[in-house]
Each structure stands twice: as structure tokens, then as C-alpha cells.
């Protein structure tokens, strides 16, 4: 019985050592994956009856409901990145908050590390006729609670469901 336990421990140590070696060999890849930082926008507007609506759009690859988001360019401020992505992906303009209201994570193409998205609120001003990804996505205005039901990322659902979202949308209306 004692030899069996000793052998099991040796196998366990070998497995752990092999695992650590494998992780160490992949360290450069893991370092690259850490740079998957993005900025996104929850664009909102007030419709008749003083009800808030938020903008969702479909992803190009899977067609799931998402918010406009993308990678920071070199020396770009995060809120400006979020504003640019709203224009490029959804064709909308507006007044963007300078501080994120939260963040969420998602995986893309089965990367080992998740993408981390800082989310900014933007008060809708208008739409442009021609934008970079026109015709590649579907846009849809919905209530924040409906948006929470449509998106798949749990942390993004929480952002839509938070009571503060309504208050922050109200404060940006002014």
C-alpha cells in the first residue's frame, strides 16, 4: 500500500513538472495574450415616454448581439477608442463619458486569455450615412433589460442590469 502511494505521488510530481514546463514554454504566447485590451461603448438615447434605449449590433463572425468595441491604437485614450469604435462599427456619434462604467471579458477564437473590454457610456447624437462596417452588422435599439437578455457575456449583462446605468444615462442627458 505504501509503495502504491509513493508511486502515485511520483506520477503526480512528474505531471506537475511537465505541466509547469509546458506553461513556461508558452510564456511568450501568454504574454502576447495579456495585451487583448479593448474599449467598448454602450450608446443610449431617450425615446418618447422618457424611456432609455441602448444600441446593440451583431458581431460579424457569429451574429451574436454585442456592443461596439475594439482595440486601442497606440497613444489613443480609452474613451476616444470607444467613441471611434461606435462610429466605425455602428455609425453613431454622441457625447462619450471619459471614465469607464465597468468592464467585461470574453474569449475570441479560442484564445487562451480572455479579452478585457472597458465600457464607456455615450449619449446618442446621431447617425452617419456612410461608415466603415456599414452593411456588415445589424443594429437594434432595445431597453437596457432587453439588451441584458440578448447579450451572452455575463459581466456585460450585469452592466445593462445595474440600476446605476439608468442614473448615469440620465446624468448624460443634460
C-alpha atoms as a PDB file:
ATOM      1  CA  UNK A   1       0.000   0.000   0.000  1.00  0.00           C
ATOM      2  CA  UNK A   2       2.810   2.401   0.860  1.00  0.00           C
ATOM      3  CA  UNK A   3       4.600   1.733  -2.479  1.00  0.00           C
ATOM      4  CA  UNK A   4       1.354   2.496  -4.343  1.00  0.00           C
ATOM      5  CA  UNK A   5       1.024   5.866  -2.582  1.00  0.00           C
ATOM      6  CA  UNK A   6       4.678   6.685  -3.223  1.00  0.00           C
ATOM      7  CA  UNK A   7       4.307   5.804  -6.929  1.00  0.00           C
ATOM      8  CA  UNK A   8       1.116   7.912  -7.165  1.00  0.00           C
ATOM      9  CA  UNK A   9       2.956  10.868  -5.622  1.00  0.00           C
ATOM     10  CA  UNK A  10       5.865  10.446  -8.074  1.00  0.00           C
ATOM     11  CA  UNK A  11       3.444  10.393 -11.040  1.00  0.00           C
ATOM     12  CA  UNK A  12       1.709  13.459  -9.660  1.00  0.00           C
ATOM     13  CA  UNK A  13       5.022  15.311  -9.322  1.00  0.00           C
ATOM     14  CA  UNK A  14       6.072  14.339 -12.850  1.00  0.00           C
ATOM     15  CA  UNK A  15       2.717  15.519 -14.199  1.00  0.00           C
ATOM     16  CA  UNK A  16       3.036  18.810 -12.338  1.00  0.00           C
ATOM     17  CA  UNK A  17       6.612  19.309 -13.537  1.00  0.00           C
ATOM     18  CA  UNK A  18       5.598  18.573 -17.139  1.00  0.00           C
ATOM     19  CA  UNK A  19       2.681  20.976 -16.825  1.00  0.00           C
ATOM     20  CA  UNK A  20       4.904  23.762 -15.461  1.00  0.00           C
ATOM     21  CA  UNK A  21       7.448  23.138 -18.240  1.00  0.00           C
ATOM     22  CA  UNK A  22       4.705  23.342 -20.828  1.00  0.00           C
ATOM     23  CA  UNK A  23       3.414  26.610 -19.345  1.00  0.00           C
ATOM     24  CA  UNK A  24       6.921  28.059 -19.236  1.00  0.00           C
ATOM     25  CA  UNK A  25       7.494  27.189 -22.891  1.00  0.00           C
ATOM     26  CA  UNK A  26       4.295  29.028 -23.790  1.00  0.00           C
ATOM     27  CA  UNK A  27       5.154  32.118 -21.723  1.00  0.00           C
ATOM     28  CA  UNK A  28       5.752  34.370 -24.771  1.00  0.00           C
ATOM     29  CA  UNK A  29       2.313  33.414 -26.126  1.00  0.00           C
ATOM     30  CA  UNK A  30       0.687  34.071 -22.790  1.00  0.00           C
ATOM     31  CA  UNK A  31       2.443  37.439 -22.594  1.00  0.00           C
ATOM     32  CA  UNK A  32       1.026  38.357 -26.018  1.00  0.00           C
ATOM     33  CA  UNK A  33      -2.468  37.326 -24.964  1.00  0.00           C
ATOM     34  CA  UNK A  34      -2.358  39.702 -21.999  1.00  0.00           C
ATOM     35  CA  UNK A  35      -2.433  42.585 -24.438  1.00  0.00           C
ATOM     36  CA  UNK A  36      -6.006  41.842 -25.518  1.00  0.00           C
ATOM     37  CA  UNK A  37      -7.405  45.068 -24.087  1.00  0.00           C
ATOM     38  CA  UNK A  38     -10.377  46.675 -25.808  1.00  0.00           C
ATOM     39  CA  UNK A  39     -12.729  49.597 -25.294  1.00  0.00           C
ATOM     40  CA  UNK A  40     -16.468  49.428 -25.896  1.00  0.00           C
ATOM     41  CA  UNK A  41     -19.482  51.704 -25.902  1.00  0.00           C
ATOM     42  CA  UNK A  42     -22.965  51.461 -24.509  1.00  0.00           C
ATOM     43  CA  UNK A  43     -24.708  54.050 -26.648  1.00  0.00           C
ATOM     44  CA  UNK A  44     -28.024  55.241 -25.224  1.00  0.00           C
ATOM     45  CA  UNK A  45     -30.866  57.536 -26.199  1.00  0.00           C
ATOM     46  CA  UNK A  46     -34.183  58.600 -24.738  1.00  0.00           C
ATOM     47  CA  UNK A  47     -37.273  57.775 -26.742  1.00  0.00           C
ATOM     48  CA  UNK A  48     -40.808  59.090 -26.337  1.00  0.00           C
ATOM     49  CA  UNK A  49     -42.170  58.445 -22.891  1.00  0.00           C
ATOM     50  CA  UNK A  50     -38.748  59.183 -21.365  1.00  0.00           C
ATOM     51  CA  UNK A  51     -37.644  55.546 -21.763  1.00  0.00           C
ATOM     52  CA  UNK A  52     -33.968  54.767 -22.254  1.00  0.00           C
ATOM     53  CA  UNK A  53     -32.853  52.611 -25.158  1.00  0.00           C
ATOM     54  CA  UNK A  54     -29.382  51.202 -25.787  1.00  0.00           C
ATOM     55  CA  UNK A  55     -27.796  50.186 -29.058  1.00  0.00           C
ATOM     56  CA  UNK A  56     -26.753  46.626 -29.813  1.00  0.00           C
ATOM     57  CA  UNK A  57     -25.268  45.302 -33.010  1.00  0.00           C
ATOM     58  CA  UNK A  58     -24.399  41.874 -34.328  1.00  0.00           C
ATOM     59  CA  UNK A  59     -20.880  40.545 -34.469  1.00  0.00           C
ATOM     60  CA  UNK A  60     -19.586  39.886 -37.963  1.00  0.00           C
ATOM     61  CA  UNK A  61     -18.333  36.372 -37.249  1.00  0.00           C
ATOM     62  CA  UNK A  62     -21.146  34.779 -35.217  1.00  0.00           C
ATOM     63  CA  UNK A  63     -24.093  37.174 -35.434  1.00  0.00           C
ATOM     64  CA  UNK A  64     -24.469  37.349 -31.646  1.00  0.00           C
ATOM     65  CA  UNK A  65     -25.559  40.644 -30.045  1.00  0.00           C
ATOM     66  CA  UNK A  66     -22.691  42.836 -28.836  1.00  0.00           C
ATOM     67  CA  UNK A  67     -21.756  46.456 -28.200  1.00  0.00           C
ATOM     68  CA  UNK A  68     -19.344  48.376 -30.426  1.00  0.00           C
ATOM     69  CA  UNK A  69     -15.823  47.610 -29.223  1.00  0.00           C
ATOM     70  CA  UNK A  70     -12.270  47.385 -30.469  1.00  0.00           C
ATOM     71  CA  UNK A  71      -8.572  47.609 -29.800  1.00  0.00           C
ATOM     72  CA  UNK A  72      -6.800  50.703 -28.544  1.00  0.00           C
ATOM     73  CA  UNK A  73      -4.457  52.296 -31.040  1.00  0.00           C
ATOM     74  CA  UNK A  74      -1.037  53.457 -29.918  1.00  0.00           C
ATOM     75  CA  UNK A  75      -1.285  56.645 -27.793  1.00  0.00           C
ATOM     76  CA  UNK A  76      -5.098  56.625 -28.033  1.00  0.00           C
ATOM     77  CA  UNK A  77      -7.144  57.486 -24.951  1.00  0.00           C
ATOM     78  CA  UNK A  78      -9.594  54.719 -23.980  1.00  0.00           C
ATOM     79  CA  UNK A  79     -12.754  56.831 -24.226  1.00  0.00           C
ATOM     80  CA  UNK A  80     -11.667  58.046 -27.683  1.00  0.00           C
ATOM     81  CA  UNK A  81     -11.180  54.424 -28.751  1.00  0.00           C
ATOM     82  CA  UNK A  82     -14.720  53.602 -27.587  1.00  0.00           C
ATOM     83  CA  UNK A  83     -16.077  56.630 -29.465  1.00  0.00           C
ATOM     84  CA  UNK A  84     -14.182  55.646 -32.645  1.00  0.00           C
ATOM     85  CA  UNK A  85     -15.457  52.069 -32.476  1.00  0.00           C
ATOM     86  CA  UNK A  86     -19.068  53.267 -32.126  1.00  0.00           C
ATOM     87  CA  UNK A  87     -18.623  55.281 -35.315  1.00  0.00           C
ATOM     88  CA  UNK A  88     -16.769  52.570 -37.267  1.00  0.00           C
ATOM     89  CA  UNK A  89     -18.952  49.617 -36.269  1.00  0.00           C
ATOM     90  CA  UNK A  90     -22.381  51.184 -35.729  1.00  0.00           C
ATOM     91  CA  UNK A  91     -22.218  54.542 -37.494  1.00  0.00           C
ATOM     92  CA  UNK A  92     -23.293  56.504 -34.419  1.00  0.00           C
ATOM     93  CA  UNK A  93     -21.954  59.672 -32.847  1.00  0.00           C
ATOM     94  CA  UNK A  94     -22.507  61.174 -29.427  1.00  0.00           C
ATOM     95  CA  UNK A  95     -21.158  62.541 -26.188  1.00  0.00           C
ATOM     96  CA  UNK A  96     -18.924  59.945 -24.535  1.00  0.00           C
ATOM     97  CA  UNK A  97     -18.035  59.734 -20.856  1.00  0.00           C
ATOM     98  CA  UNK A  98     -14.329  59.888 -20.089  1.00  0.00           C
ATOM     99  CA  UNK A  99     -14.418  57.239 -17.360  1.00  0.00           C
ATOM    100  CA  UNK A 100     -15.475  53.621 -17.867  1.00  0.00           C
ATOM    101  CA  UNK A 101     -18.649  52.446 -16.159  1.00  0.00           C
ATOM    102  CA  UNK A 102     -17.245  48.932 -15.861  1.00  0.00           C
ATOM    103  CA  UNK A 103     -15.693  46.136 -17.853  1.00  0.00           C
ATOM    104  CA  UNK A 104     -16.372  42.645 -19.104  1.00  0.00           C
ATOM    105  CA  UNK A 105     -14.402  39.759 -20.535  1.00  0.00           C
ATOM    106  CA  UNK A 106     -14.964  37.433 -23.454  1.00  0.00           C
ATOM    107  CA  UNK A 107     -12.976  34.910 -25.419  1.00  0.00           C
ATOM    108  CA  UNK A 108     -12.331  35.273 -29.119  1.00  0.00           C
ATOM    109  CA  UNK A 109     -11.325  32.474 -31.468  1.00  0.00           C
ATOM    110  CA  UNK A 110     -10.485  30.226 -28.504  1.00  0.00           C
ATOM    111  CA  UNK A 111      -7.539  32.340 -27.374  1.00  0.00           C
ATOM    112  CA  UNK A 112      -6.104  31.234 -24.037  1.00  0.00           C
ATOM    113  CA  UNK A 113      -6.526  34.628 -22.381  1.00  0.00           C
ATOM    114  CA  UNK A 114      -9.826  36.492 -22.463  1.00  0.00           C
ATOM    115  CA  UNK A 115     -10.249  39.923 -23.990  1.00  0.00           C
ATOM    116  CA  UNK A 116     -10.950  42.599 -21.382  1.00  0.00           C
ATOM    117  CA  UNK A 117     -13.286  45.385 -22.531  1.00  0.00           C
ATOM    118  CA  UNK A 118     -13.525  48.713 -20.670  1.00  0.00           C
ATOM    119  CA  UNK A 119     -17.040  50.042 -21.253  1.00  0.00           C
ATOM    120  CA  UNK A 120     -17.934  53.724 -21.691  1.00  0.00           C
ATOM    121  CA  UNK A 121     -21.356  55.359 -21.881  1.00  0.00           C
ATOM    122  CA  UNK A 122     -22.192  57.506 -24.886  1.00  0.00           C
ATOM    123  CA  UNK A 123     -25.248  59.728 -25.263  1.00  0.00           C
ATOM    124  CA  UNK A 124     -26.524  59.291 -28.813  1.00  0.00           C
ATOM    125  CA  UNK A 125     -26.438  62.406 -31.023  1.00  0.00           C
ATOM    126  CA  UNK A 126     -26.940  60.982 -34.479  1.00  0.00           C
ATOM    127  CA  UNK A 127     -26.115  58.526 -37.227  1.00  0.00           C
ATOM    128  CA  UNK A 128     -23.807  58.935 -40.193  1.00  0.00           C
ATOM    129  CA  UNK A 129     -24.813  57.712 -43.631  1.00  0.00           C
ATOM    130  CA  UNK A 130     -21.561  56.032 -44.509  1.00  0.00           C
ATOM    131  CA  UNK A 131     -19.314  54.230 -42.045  1.00  0.00           C
ATOM    132  CA  UNK A 132     -16.577  51.623 -42.145  1.00  0.00           C
ATOM    133  CA  UNK A 133     -18.622  48.495 -41.355  1.00  0.00           C
ATOM    134  CA  UNK A 134     -21.919  49.535 -42.929  1.00  0.00           C
ATOM    135  CA  UNK A 135     -23.832  46.532 -44.212  1.00  0.00           C
ATOM    136  CA  UNK A 136     -21.732  44.074 -42.178  1.00  0.00           C
ATOM    137  CA  UNK A 137     -23.794  44.247 -38.987  1.00  0.00           C
ATOM    138  CA  UNK A 138     -27.389  44.639 -37.857  1.00  0.00           C
ATOM    139  CA  UNK A 139     -28.191  47.463 -35.411  1.00  0.00           C
ATOM    140  CA  UNK A 140     -31.015  47.325 -32.887  1.00  0.00           C
ATOM    141  CA  UNK A 141     -32.240  49.781 -30.232  1.00  0.00           C
ATOM    142  CA  UNK A 142     -33.636  47.999 -27.147  1.00  0.00           C
ATOM    143  CA  UNK A 143     -34.279  48.639 -23.465  1.00  0.00           C
ATOM    144  CA  UNK A 144     -31.314  48.001 -21.144  1.00  0.00           C
ATOM    145  CA  UNK A 145     -33.113  44.968 -19.697  1.00  0.00           C
ATOM    146  CA  UNK A 146     -33.765  43.510 -23.150  1.00  0.00           C
ATOM    147  CA  UNK A 147     -30.099  44.131 -24.003  1.00  0.00           C
ATOM    148  CA  UNK A 148     -29.131  42.162 -20.893  1.00  0.00           C
ATOM    149  CA  UNK A 149     -31.222  39.257 -22.158  1.00  0.00           C
ATOM    150  CA  UNK A 150     -29.744  39.412 -25.684  1.00  0.00           C
ATOM    151  CA  UNK A 151     -26.001  39.548 -24.921  1.00  0.00           C
ATOM    152  CA  UNK A 152     -24.239  36.368 -23.805  1.00  0.00           C
ATOM    153  CA  UNK A 153     -21.430  37.821 -21.672  1.00  0.00           C
ATOM    154  CA  UNK A 154     -22.487  37.673 -18.016  1.00  0.00           C
ATOM    155  CA  UNK A 155     -20.498  40.737 -16.960  1.00  0.00           C
ATOM    156  CA  UNK A 156     -21.987  42.790 -19.800  1.00  0.00           C
ATOM    157  CA  UNK A 157     -25.449  41.603 -18.772  1.00  0.00           C
ATOM    158  CA  UNK A 158     -24.727  42.950 -15.286  1.00  0.00           C
ATOM    159  CA  UNK A 159     -23.726  46.329 -16.710  1.00  0.00           C
ATOM    160  CA  UNK A 160     -27.040  46.570 -18.526  1.00  0.00           C
ATOM    161  CA  UNK A 161     -28.991  45.459 -15.453  1.00  0.00           C
ATOM    162  CA  UNK A 162     -27.294  47.748 -12.946  1.00  0.00           C
ATOM    163  CA  UNK A 163     -29.589  50.412 -11.588  1.00  0.00           C
ATOM    164  CA  UNK A 164     -26.748  52.941 -11.902  1.00  0.00           C
ATOM    165  CA  UNK A 165     -26.874  52.628 -15.689  1.00  0.00           C
ATOM    166  CA  UNK A 166     -30.229  54.397 -15.741  1.00  0.00           C
ATOM    167  CA  UNK A 167     -28.891  57.086 -13.417  1.00  0.00           C
ATOM    168  CA  UNK A 168     -25.726  57.562 -15.494  1.00  0.00           C
ATOM    169  CA  UNK A 169     -27.767  57.719 -18.682  1.00  0.00           C
ATOM    170  CA  UNK A 170     -29.935  60.360 -17.052  1.00  0.00           C
ATOM    171  CA  UNK A 171     -26.914  62.407 -15.967  1.00  0.00           C
ATOM    172  CA  UNK A 172     -25.526  62.368 -19.523  1.00  0.00           C
ATOM    173  CA  UNK A 173     -28.841  63.656 -20.948  1.00  0.00           C
ATOM    174  CA  UNK A 174     -28.122  67.137 -19.641  1.00  0.00           C
END
